[in-house]
C-alpha atoms as a PDB file:
ATOM      1  CA  MET A   1       9.890  32.219  20.038  1.00  0.00           C
ATOM      2  CA  LYS A   2       6.860  31.865  17.791  1.00  0.00           C
ATOM      3  CA  VAL A   3       6.813  28.113  17.216  1.00  0.00           C
ATOM      4  CA  GLY A   4       4.587  26.045  14.956  1.00  0.00           C
ATOM      5  CA  PHE A   5       3.845  22.358  15.466  1.00  0.00           C
ATOM      6  CA  ILE A   6       2.033  20.136  12.973  1.00  0.00           C
ATOM      7  CA  GLY A   7       0.995  16.660  14.133  1.00  0.00           C
ATOM      8  CA  THR A   8       0.077  16.324  17.812  1.00  0.00           C
ATOM      9  CA  GLY A   9       0.008  12.555  18.160  1.00  0.00           C
ATOM     10  CA  VAL A  10       1.335  10.358  20.964  1.00  0.00           C
ATOM     11  CA  MET A  11       4.726  12.086  21.061  1.00  0.00           C
ATOM     12  CA  GLY A  12       3.801  15.442  19.557  1.00  0.00           C
ATOM     13  CA  GLN A  13       1.390  16.221  22.386  1.00  0.00           C
ATOM     14  CA  SER A  14       4.132  15.938  24.990  1.00  0.00           C
ATOM     15  CA  ILE A  15       6.644  17.920  22.931  1.00  0.00           C
ATOM     16  CA  VAL A  16       4.186  20.796  22.542  1.00  0.00           C
ATOM     17  CA  LYS A  17       3.600  20.803  26.312  1.00  0.00           C
ATOM     18  CA  HIS A  18       7.338  21.180  26.910  1.00  0.00           C
ATOM     19  CA  LEU A  19       7.502  24.061  24.422  1.00  0.00           C
ATOM     20  CA  LEU A  20       4.561  25.787  26.124  1.00  0.00           C
ATOM     21  CA  ASN A  21       6.097  25.236  29.557  1.00  0.00           C
ATOM     22  CA  ALA A  22       9.317  26.827  28.283  1.00  0.00           C
ATOM     23  CA  GLY A  23       7.343  29.991  27.528  1.00  0.00           C
ATOM     24  CA  HIS A  24       7.119  29.797  23.748  1.00  0.00           C
ATOM     25  CA  GLU A  25       4.081  30.885  21.753  1.00  0.00           C
ATOM     26  CA  VAL A  26       2.960  27.718  19.971  1.00  0.00           C
ATOM     27  CA  SER A  27       0.582  27.429  17.020  1.00  0.00           C
ATOM     28  CA  ILE A  28      -0.639  23.922  16.210  1.00  0.00           C
ATOM     29  CA  TYR A  29      -2.454  21.939  13.563  1.00  0.00           C
ATOM     30  CA  THR A  30      -3.439  18.289  13.469  1.00  0.00           C
ATOM     31  CA  ARG A  31      -5.937  16.470  11.278  1.00  0.00           C
ATOM     32  CA  THR A  32      -8.356  15.767  14.133  1.00  0.00           C
ATOM     33  CA  LYS A  33      -8.878  18.951  16.147  1.00  0.00           C
ATOM     34  CA  SER A  34     -10.384  17.139  19.145  1.00  0.00           C
ATOM     35  CA  LYS A  35      -7.004  15.485  19.753  1.00  0.00           C
ATOM     36  CA  ALA A  36      -5.551  18.946  20.319  1.00  0.00           C
ATOM     37  CA  ASP A  37      -8.177  20.133  22.821  1.00  0.00           C
ATOM     38  CA  ASP A  38      -5.885  19.700  25.833  1.00  0.00           C
ATOM     39  CA  LEU A  39      -3.093  21.682  24.154  1.00  0.00           C
ATOM     40  CA  ILE A  40      -5.507  24.458  23.187  1.00  0.00           C
ATOM     41  CA  ALA A  41      -6.675  24.584  26.816  1.00  0.00           C
ATOM     42  CA  ARG A  42      -3.038  24.968  27.845  1.00  0.00           C
ATOM     43  CA  GLY A  43      -2.600  27.991  25.591  1.00  0.00           C
ATOM     44  CA  ALA A  44      -1.667  26.667  22.149  1.00  0.00           C
ATOM     45  CA  ASN A  45      -3.123  28.556  19.193  1.00  0.00           C
ATOM     46  CA  TRP A  46      -5.224  26.453  16.819  1.00  0.00           C
ATOM     47  CA  CYS A  47      -4.648  26.825  13.070  1.00  0.00           C
ATOM     48  CA  VAL A  48      -6.792  25.364  10.294  1.00  0.00           C
ATOM     49  CA  SER A  49      -3.895  24.191   8.081  1.00  0.00           C
ATOM     50  CA  ALA A  50      -0.156  23.628   7.871  1.00  0.00           C
ATOM     51  CA  LYS A  51       0.005  26.765   5.719  1.00  0.00           C
ATOM     52  CA  GLU A  52      -1.503  28.855   8.502  1.00  0.00           C
ATOM     53  CA  VAL A  53       0.909  27.403  11.072  1.00  0.00           C
ATOM     54  CA  ALA A  54       3.860  28.308   8.839  1.00  0.00           C
ATOM     55  CA  ALA A  55       2.548  31.818   8.272  1.00  0.00           C
ATOM     56  CA  SER A  56       2.360  32.546  12.010  1.00  0.00           C
ATOM     57  CA  SER A  57       5.628  30.928  13.151  1.00  0.00           C
ATOM     58  CA  GLU A  58       9.390  31.467  13.027  1.00  0.00           C
ATOM     59  CA  ILE A  59      10.259  27.803  13.483  1.00  0.00           C
ATOM     60  CA  ILE A  60       7.886  25.087  12.290  1.00  0.00           C
ATOM     61  CA  PHE A  61       8.014  21.486  13.524  1.00  0.00           C
ATOM     62  CA  THR A  62       6.304  18.600  11.756  1.00  0.00           C
ATOM     63  CA  MET A  63       5.710  15.182  13.282  1.00  0.00           C
ATOM     64  CA  VAL A  64       3.376  13.073  11.186  1.00  0.00           C
ATOM     65  CA  GLY A  65       3.040   9.371  10.376  1.00  0.00           C
ATOM     66  CA  TYR A  66       4.538   8.410   7.020  1.00  0.00           C
ATOM     67  CA  PRO A  67       6.732   9.938   4.310  1.00  0.00           C
ATOM     68  CA  SER A  68       3.569  10.425   2.226  1.00  0.00           C
ATOM     69  CA  ASP A  69       2.139  12.509   5.095  1.00  0.00           C
ATOM     70  CA  VAL A  70       5.346  14.551   5.235  1.00  0.00           C
ATOM     71  CA  GLU A  71       5.149  15.133   1.480  1.00  0.00           C
ATOM     72  CA  ALA A  72       1.556  16.359   1.726  1.00  0.00           C
ATOM     73  CA  THR A  73       2.252  18.540   4.768  1.00  0.00           C
ATOM     74  CA  TYR A  74       5.042  20.397   2.998  1.00  0.00           C
ATOM     75  CA  PHE A  75       4.050  20.356  -0.666  1.00  0.00           C
ATOM     76  CA  ASP A  76       0.244  20.568  -0.820  1.00  0.00           C
ATOM     77  CA  THR A  77      -0.191  23.555  -3.131  1.00  0.00           C
ATOM     78  CA  GLU A  78      -3.148  25.016  -1.204  1.00  0.00           C
ATOM     79  CA  LYS A  79      -2.673  24.086   2.454  1.00  0.00           C
ATOM     80  CA  GLY A  80       0.960  22.953   2.762  1.00  0.00           C
ATOM     81  CA  ILE A  81       3.879  24.661   4.422  1.00  0.00           C
ATOM     82  CA  PHE A  82       5.433  25.741   1.124  1.00  0.00           C
ATOM     83  CA  ALA A  83       2.173  27.456   0.168  1.00  0.00           C
ATOM     84  CA  SER A  84       3.274  30.035   2.748  1.00  0.00           C
ATOM     85  CA  ASP A  85       6.279  32.379   2.704  1.00  0.00           C
ATOM     86  CA  VAL A  86       9.084  30.503   4.487  1.00  0.00           C
ATOM     87  CA  SER A  87      11.872  33.039   3.995  1.00  0.00           C
ATOM     88  CA  ASN A  88      14.193  33.156   7.017  1.00  0.00           C
ATOM     89  CA  LYS A  89      12.121  30.477   8.753  1.00  0.00           C
ATOM     90  CA  VAL A  90      13.374  27.069   9.896  1.00  0.00           C
ATOM     91  CA  LEU A  91      11.376  23.960   9.025  1.00  0.00           C
ATOM     92  CA  VAL A  92      12.121  20.989  11.272  1.00  0.00           C
ATOM     93  CA  ASP A  93      10.776  17.541  10.417  1.00  0.00           C
ATOM     94  CA  LEU A  94      10.755  15.274  13.484  1.00  0.00           C
ATOM     95  CA  THR A  95       9.093  12.450  11.541  1.00  0.00           C
ATOM     96  CA  THR A  96      11.132   9.348  10.785  1.00  0.00           C
ATOM     97  CA  SER A  97      11.100   9.643   7.010  1.00  0.00           C
ATOM     98  CA  THR A  98      13.399   9.055   4.028  1.00  0.00           C
ATOM     99  CA  PRO A  99      16.747  10.780   3.534  1.00  0.00           C
ATOM    100  CA  THR A 100      15.721  11.586  -0.059  1.00  0.00           C
ATOM    101  CA  LEU A 101      12.622  13.471   1.068  1.00  0.00           C
ATOM    102  CA  ALA A 102      14.669  15.352   3.677  1.00  0.00           C
ATOM    103  CA  GLU A 103      17.006  16.497   0.901  1.00  0.00           C
ATOM    104  CA  LYS A 104      14.046  17.572  -1.255  1.00  0.00           C
ATOM    105  CA  ILE A 105      12.535  19.639   1.568  1.00  0.00           C
ATOM    106  CA  GLU A 106      15.883  21.279   2.272  1.00  0.00           C
ATOM    107  CA  GLN A 107      16.325  22.211  -1.379  1.00  0.00           C
ATOM    108  CA  PHE A 108      12.823  23.724  -1.584  1.00  0.00           C
ATOM    109  CA  ALA A 109      13.374  25.678   1.628  1.00  0.00           C
ATOM    110  CA  ARG A 110      16.738  26.981   0.474  1.00  0.00           C
ATOM    111  CA  GLU A 111      15.309  28.093  -2.893  1.00  0.00           C
ATOM    112  CA  ARG A 112      12.730  30.092  -0.940  1.00  0.00           C
ATOM    113  CA  GLN A 113      15.356  31.683   1.359  1.00  0.00           C
ATOM    114  CA  GLY A 114      14.396  29.428   4.241  1.00  0.00           C
ATOM    115  CA  PHE A 115      16.094  26.668   6.205  1.00  0.00           C
ATOM    116  CA  SER A 116      15.288  23.016   6.870  1.00  0.00           C
ATOM    117  CA  LEU A 117      16.413  20.355   9.322  1.00  0.00           C
ATOM    118  CA  ASP A 118      15.573  16.658   9.353  1.00  0.00           C
ATOM    119  CA  ALA A 119      15.499  15.803  13.048  1.00  0.00           C
ATOM    120  CA  PRO A 120      13.933  12.390  13.790  1.00  0.00           C
ATOM    121  CA  VAL A 121      13.792  11.435  17.458  1.00  0.00           C
ATOM    122  CA  SER A 122      14.155   8.347  19.602  1.00  0.00           C
ATOM    123  CA  GLY A 123      12.828   7.638  23.076  1.00  0.00           C
ATOM    124  CA  GLY A 124       9.175   6.837  22.492  1.00  0.00           C
ATOM    125  CA  ASP A 125       6.256   8.177  24.481  1.00  0.00           C
ATOM    126  CA  LEU A 126       8.196   8.091  27.763  1.00  0.00           C
ATOM    127  CA  GLY A 127      11.054  10.122  26.306  1.00  0.00           C
ATOM    128  CA  ALA A 128       8.585  12.666  24.947  1.00  0.00           C
ATOM    129  CA  GLN A 129       6.741  12.885  28.279  1.00  0.00           C
ATOM    130  CA  ASN A 130       9.952  13.285  30.258  1.00  0.00           C
ATOM    131  CA  GLY A 131      11.641  15.673  27.829  1.00  0.00           C
ATOM    132  CA  THR A 132      14.521  13.229  27.341  1.00  0.00           C
ATOM    133  CA  LEU A 133      14.313  12.462  23.629  1.00  0.00           C
ATOM    134  CA  THR A 134      17.387  11.814  21.514  1.00  0.00           C
ATOM    135  CA  ILE A 135      17.308  14.093  18.459  1.00  0.00           C
ATOM    136  CA  MET A 136      19.312  13.208  15.334  1.00  0.00           C
ATOM    137  CA  VAL A 137      19.762  16.211  13.068  1.00  0.00           C
ATOM    138  CA  GLY A 138      20.719  16.818   9.447  1.00  0.00           C
ATOM    139  CA  GLY A 139      21.057  20.253   7.857  1.00  0.00           C
ATOM    140  CA  SER A 140      23.079  23.444   8.179  1.00  0.00           C
ATOM    141  CA  SER A 141      24.845  24.475  11.377  1.00  0.00           C
ATOM    142  CA  GLU A 142      23.195  27.909  11.113  1.00  0.00           C
ATOM    143  CA  ALA A 143      19.703  26.403  11.245  1.00  0.00           C
ATOM    144  CA  TYR A 144      20.725  23.972  13.981  1.00  0.00           C
ATOM    145  CA  GLU A 145      21.968  26.769  16.237  1.00  0.00           C
ATOM    146  CA  ARG A 146      18.687  28.651  15.825  1.00  0.00           C
ATOM    147  CA  VAL A 147      16.619  25.626  16.839  1.00  0.00           C
ATOM    148  CA  LEU A 148      18.930  24.385  19.604  1.00  0.00           C
ATOM    149  CA  PRO A 149      17.092  26.198  22.455  1.00  0.00           C
ATOM    150  CA  LEU A 150      13.914  24.386  21.411  1.00  0.00           C
ATOM    151  CA  PHE A 151      15.652  21.020  21.204  1.00  0.00           C
ATOM    152  CA  GLU A 152      16.828  21.657  24.753  1.00  0.00           C
ATOM    153  CA  ALA A 153      13.199  22.024  25.865  1.00  0.00           C
ATOM    154  CA  PHE A 154      12.197  18.478  24.912  1.00  0.00           C
ATOM    155  CA  GLY A 155      15.415  16.564  24.332  1.00  0.00           C
ATOM    156  CA  LYS A 156      18.257  15.207  26.423  1.00  0.00           C
ATOM    157  CA  SER A 157      20.656  14.384  23.594  1.00  0.00           C
ATOM    158  CA  TYR A 158      20.876  16.258  20.281  1.00  0.00           C
ATOM    159  CA  ARG A 159      23.589  16.361  17.662  1.00  0.00           C
ATOM    160  CA  LEU A 160      24.094  17.617  14.119  1.00  0.00           C
ATOM    161  CA  HIS A 161      25.263  14.713  11.954  1.00  0.00           C
ATOM    162  CA  GLY A 162      25.885  16.519   8.669  1.00  0.00           C
ATOM    163  CA  ALA A 163      23.974  17.815   5.676  1.00  0.00           C
ATOM    164  CA  ALA A 164      20.291  17.278   4.874  1.00  0.00           C
ATOM    165  CA  GLY A 165      19.317  13.605   5.126  1.00  0.00           C
ATOM    166  CA  LYS A 166      22.004  12.674   7.643  1.00  0.00           C
ATOM    167  CA  GLY A 167      19.580  12.925  10.550  1.00  0.00           C
ATOM    168  CA  GLN A 168      17.335  10.385   8.840  1.00  0.00           C
ATOM    169  CA  HIS A 169      20.285   8.092   8.125  1.00  0.00           C
ATOM    170  CA  THR A 170      21.237   8.264  11.815  1.00  0.00           C
ATOM    171  CA  LYS A 171      17.671   7.356  12.788  1.00  0.00           C
ATOM    172  CA  MET A 172      17.869   4.355  10.473  1.00  0.00           C
ATOM    173  CA  ALA A 173      20.984   3.240  12.358  1.00  0.00           C
ATOM    174  CA  ASN A 174      18.995   3.677  15.579  1.00  0.00           C
ATOM    175  CA  GLN A 175      16.113   1.552  14.270  1.00  0.00           C
ATOM    176  CA  ILE A 176      18.510  -1.217  13.238  1.00  0.00           C
ATOM    177  CA  MET A 177      19.691  -1.428  16.837  1.00  0.00           C
ATOM    178  CA  VAL A 178      16.158  -1.200  18.250  1.00  0.00           C
ATOM    179  CA  ALA A 179      15.013  -4.011  15.945  1.00  0.00           C
ATOM    180  CA  GLY A 180      17.718  -6.230  17.395  1.00  0.00           C
ATOM    181  CA  THR A 181      16.966  -5.415  21.023  1.00  0.00           C
ATOM    182  CA  MET A 182      13.204  -5.879  20.554  1.00  0.00           C
ATOM    183  CA  LEU A 183      13.769  -9.337  19.067  1.00  0.00           C
ATOM    184  CA  GLY A 184      16.243 -10.193  21.815  1.00  0.00           C
ATOM    185  CA  MET A 185      13.917  -9.031  24.567  1.00  0.00           C
ATOM    186  CA  THR A 186      11.008 -11.016  23.149  1.00  0.00           C
ATOM    187  CA  GLU A 187      12.980 -14.238  22.786  1.00  0.00           C
ATOM    188  CA  MET A 188      14.426 -13.746  26.271  1.00  0.00           C
ATOM    189  CA  LEU A 189      10.919 -13.645  27.771  1.00  0.00           C
ATOM    190  CA  VAL A 190       9.712 -16.615  25.708  1.00  0.00           C
ATOM    191  CA  TYR A 191      12.719 -18.683  26.777  1.00  0.00           C
ATOM    192  CA  SER A 192      12.479 -17.649  30.435  1.00  0.00           C
ATOM    193  CA  GLN A 193       8.819 -18.573  30.620  1.00  0.00           C
ATOM    194  CA  ALA A 194       9.421 -21.963  28.984  1.00  0.00           C
ATOM    195  CA  ALA A 195      12.188 -22.604  31.526  1.00  0.00           C
ATOM    196  CA  GLY A 196       9.781 -21.930  34.391  1.00  0.00           C
ATOM    197  CA  LEU A 197      11.552 -18.794  35.625  1.00  0.00           C
ATOM    198  CA  ASP A 198       9.987 -15.856  37.447  1.00  0.00           C
ATOM    199  CA  LEU A 199       9.926 -13.306  34.623  1.00  0.00           C
ATOM    200  CA  LYS A 200       9.997 -10.227  36.864  1.00  0.00           C
ATOM    201  CA  ASN A 201      13.059 -11.557  38.660  1.00  0.00           C
ATOM    202  CA  VAL A 202      14.776 -12.363  35.355  1.00  0.00           C
ATOM    203  CA  VAL A 203      14.181  -8.858  33.981  1.00  0.00           C
ATOM    204  CA  GLU A 204      15.438  -7.208  37.171  1.00  0.00           C
ATOM    205  CA  THR A 205      18.547  -9.426  37.173  1.00  0.00           C
ATOM    206  CA  LEU A 206      19.398  -8.883  33.511  1.00  0.00           C
ATOM    207  CA  ALA A 207      18.915  -5.123  33.871  1.00  0.00           C
ATOM    208  CA  GLY A 208      21.996  -5.071  36.074  1.00  0.00           C
ATOM    209  CA  GLY A 209      24.305  -6.873  33.667  1.00  0.00           C
ATOM    210  CA  ALA A 210      25.596  -6.982  30.124  1.00  0.00           C
ATOM    211  CA  ALA A 211      22.124  -7.783  28.729  1.00  0.00           C
ATOM    212  CA  ALA A 212      20.708  -4.454  29.895  1.00  0.00           C
ATOM    213  CA  ASN A 213      19.159  -2.364  27.125  1.00  0.00           C
ATOM    214  CA  TRP A 214      16.475   0.299  26.715  1.00  0.00           C
ATOM    215  CA  SER A 215      13.925  -2.022  25.118  1.00  0.00           C
ATOM    216  CA  MET A 216      14.101  -4.557  27.923  1.00  0.00           C
ATOM    217  CA  ILE A 217      14.071  -2.035  30.762  1.00  0.00           C
ATOM    218  CA  ASN A 218      11.165  -0.010  29.363  1.00  0.00           C
ATOM    219  CA  TYR A 219       9.055  -2.581  27.530  1.00  0.00           C
ATOM    220  CA  SER A 220       9.393  -5.786  29.581  1.00  0.00           C
ATOM    221  CA  PRO A 221       7.374  -4.349  32.495  1.00  0.00           C
ATOM    222  CA  ARG A 222       4.622  -3.354  30.049  1.00  0.00           C
ATOM    223  CA  ILE A 223       4.506  -6.856  28.619  1.00  0.00           C
ATOM    224  CA  LEU A 224       4.362  -8.430  32.069  1.00  0.00           C
ATOM    225  CA  SER A 225       1.400  -6.186  32.952  1.00  0.00           C
ATOM    226  CA  GLN A 226      -0.216  -6.935  29.560  1.00  0.00           C
ATOM    227  CA  ASP A 227       0.043  -3.274  28.538  1.00  0.00           C
ATOM    228  CA  TYR A 228       0.309  -3.023  24.763  1.00  0.00           C
ATOM    229  CA  THR A 229      -0.643   0.627  24.391  1.00  0.00           C
ATOM    230  CA  PRO A 230       1.566   2.302  21.788  1.00  0.00           C
ATOM    231  CA  GLY A 231       4.586   4.244  22.867  1.00  0.00           C
ATOM    232  CA  PHE A 232       5.504   3.557  19.255  1.00  0.00           C
ATOM    233  CA  PHE A 233       3.074   1.930  16.838  1.00  0.00           C
ATOM    234  CA  VAL A 234       3.791  -1.417  15.193  1.00  0.00           C
ATOM    235  CA  LYS A 235       2.677   0.078  11.858  1.00  0.00           C
ATOM    236  CA  HIS A 236       5.162   2.931  12.183  1.00  0.00           C
ATOM    237  CA  PHE A 237       8.009   0.586  13.085  1.00  0.00           C
ATOM    238  CA  ILE A 238       7.262  -1.446   9.964  1.00  0.00           C
ATOM    239  CA  LYS A 239       7.467   1.792   7.969  1.00  0.00           C
ATOM    240  CA  ASP A 240      10.866   2.561   9.512  1.00  0.00           C
ATOM    241  CA  LEU A 241      12.240  -0.919   8.866  1.00  0.00           C
ATOM    242  CA  LYS A 242      11.138  -0.749   5.239  1.00  0.00           C
ATOM    243  CA  ILE A 243      13.030   2.531   4.857  1.00  0.00           C
ATOM    244  CA  VAL A 244      16.117   0.908   6.414  1.00  0.00           C
ATOM    245  CA  LEU A 245      15.966  -2.033   4.032  1.00  0.00           C
ATOM    246  CA  ASP A 246      15.402   0.228   1.009  1.00  0.00           C
ATOM    247  CA  GLU A 247      18.416   2.348   1.960  1.00  0.00           C
ATOM    248  CA  ALA A 248      20.500  -0.785   2.590  1.00  0.00           C
ATOM    249  CA  LYS A 249      19.590  -2.052  -0.875  1.00  0.00           C
ATOM    250  CA  ASN A 250      20.672   1.278  -2.378  1.00  0.00           C
ATOM    251  CA  MET A 251      24.014   0.948  -0.566  1.00  0.00           C
ATOM    252  CA  ASP A 252      24.366  -2.712  -1.612  1.00  0.00           C
ATOM    253  CA  ILE A 253      24.574  -4.069   1.936  1.00  0.00           C
ATOM    254  CA  GLU A 254      22.660  -6.896   3.635  1.00  0.00           C
ATOM    255  CA  LEU A 255      20.989  -6.565   7.034  1.00  0.00           C
ATOM    256  CA  PRO A 256      19.608 -10.041   7.830  1.00  0.00           C
ATOM    257  CA  MET A 257      18.550  -9.285  11.407  1.00  0.00           C
ATOM    258  CA  THR A 258      16.665  -6.162  10.347  1.00  0.00           C
ATOM    259  CA  GLN A 259      15.060  -8.120   7.525  1.00  0.00           C
ATOM    260  CA  LEU A 260      13.873 -10.752  10.012  1.00  0.00           C
ATOM    261  CA  ALA A 261      12.492  -8.053  12.309  1.00  0.00           C
ATOM    262  CA  GLU A 262      10.533  -6.520   9.437  1.00  0.00           C
ATOM    263  CA  GLN A 263       9.077  -9.908   8.545  1.00  0.00           C
ATOM    264  CA  LEU A 264       8.021 -10.626  12.139  1.00  0.00           C
ATOM    265  CA  TYR A 265       6.406  -7.224  12.597  1.00  0.00           C
ATOM    266  CA  GLU A 266       4.596  -7.630   9.262  1.00  0.00           C
ATOM    267  CA  LYS A 267       3.266 -10.965  10.558  1.00  0.00           C
ATOM    268  CA  LEU A 268       2.172  -9.247  13.769  1.00  0.00           C
ATOM    269  CA  ALA A 269       0.328  -6.564  11.790  1.00  0.00           C
ATOM    270  CA  THR A 270      -1.508  -9.149   9.678  1.00  0.00           C
ATOM    271  CA  LYS A 271      -2.799 -10.680  12.922  1.00  0.00           C
ATOM    272  CA  GLY A 272      -4.503  -7.383  13.719  1.00  0.00           C
ATOM    273  CA  PHE A 273      -1.975  -5.681  15.980  1.00  0.00           C
ATOM    274  CA  ALA A 274      -0.738  -2.849  13.724  1.00  0.00           C
ATOM    275  CA  ASP A 275      -2.064  -0.212  16.146  1.00  0.00           C
ATOM    276  CA  ASP A 276      -0.476  -1.800  19.226  1.00  0.00           C
ATOM    277  CA  GLY A 277       2.865  -0.757  20.648  1.00  0.00           C
ATOM    278  CA  THR A 278       6.004  -2.489  19.391  1.00  0.00           C
ATOM    279  CA  GLN A 279       6.156  -4.557  22.609  1.00  0.00           C
ATOM    280  CA  ALA A 280       3.184  -6.505  21.183  1.00  0.00           C
ATOM    281  CA  LEU A 281       5.701  -8.582  19.244  1.00  0.00           C
ATOM    282  CA  ILE A 282       5.412 -11.046  22.146  1.00  0.00           C
ATOM    283  CA  LYS A 283       1.883 -11.844  20.891  1.00  0.00           C
ATOM    284  CA  LEU A 284       3.415 -13.982  18.167  1.00  0.00           C
ATOM    285  CA  TRP A 285       4.186 -16.396  21.050  1.00  0.00           C
ATOM    286  CA  TRP A 286       1.788 -15.427  23.829  1.00  0.00           C
ATOM    287  CA  SER A 287      -1.973 -14.981  23.484  1.00  0.00           C
ATOM    288  CA  ASN A 288      -2.362 -12.526  26.380  1.00  0.00           C
END
């Protein structure tokens, strides 16, 4: 297929590599061209704007930072995706964004005889590198079936959850659970250290029992080796948690654990760690 990809960051880079390895023709755009040099060397076609990517592709993926970035990528009147003809094309937003914006994009695409899917992912940098991402999709079954072969190239689990916006709602449910496991993992390490335990032994033991979870298995080793490089940025997790809490307010429900997680990550960001990985939460207790 002729595939477009806009936003080749930490995860986007790996996804594009999987698409290239699967034999697809991939056109790319990202704000800083130098960050795409490796992909261009591997055969990706460089475009100067999101509009140009859309014009040269059948299926267009976006994976940018914030809902405001999504809005600009799609709706900029000169360089955005909708400045191009999107008839019979499928637009797939992999960004964790708002359900409302996903619905707006779908409506615009439909009015222009195109299709749209909101398809946020989970699995972090390791999932992207290994092609094992979980993909949560909202939109029409027709569009989903067209994109499914591409999801198979970089994902391990993918499912259509309903109409436009439902993929984003599912990702919010995912982030609620991740918030809880990140807090639990951090407190587990703080407690174990205070008790004088061997932290590596504790992590290996807990990984075999009821306490096992993705956050602990993947992020505890990074913490123990003082590796705080971002598989997922603190600043982006704060963005996600704010979306969760806004949606919860709209639905008139309370999420106290998620609220606490948002407060702790905000505190972490104010200490200068917004560009670290989410495992840096431990720095609220440890200075390493």
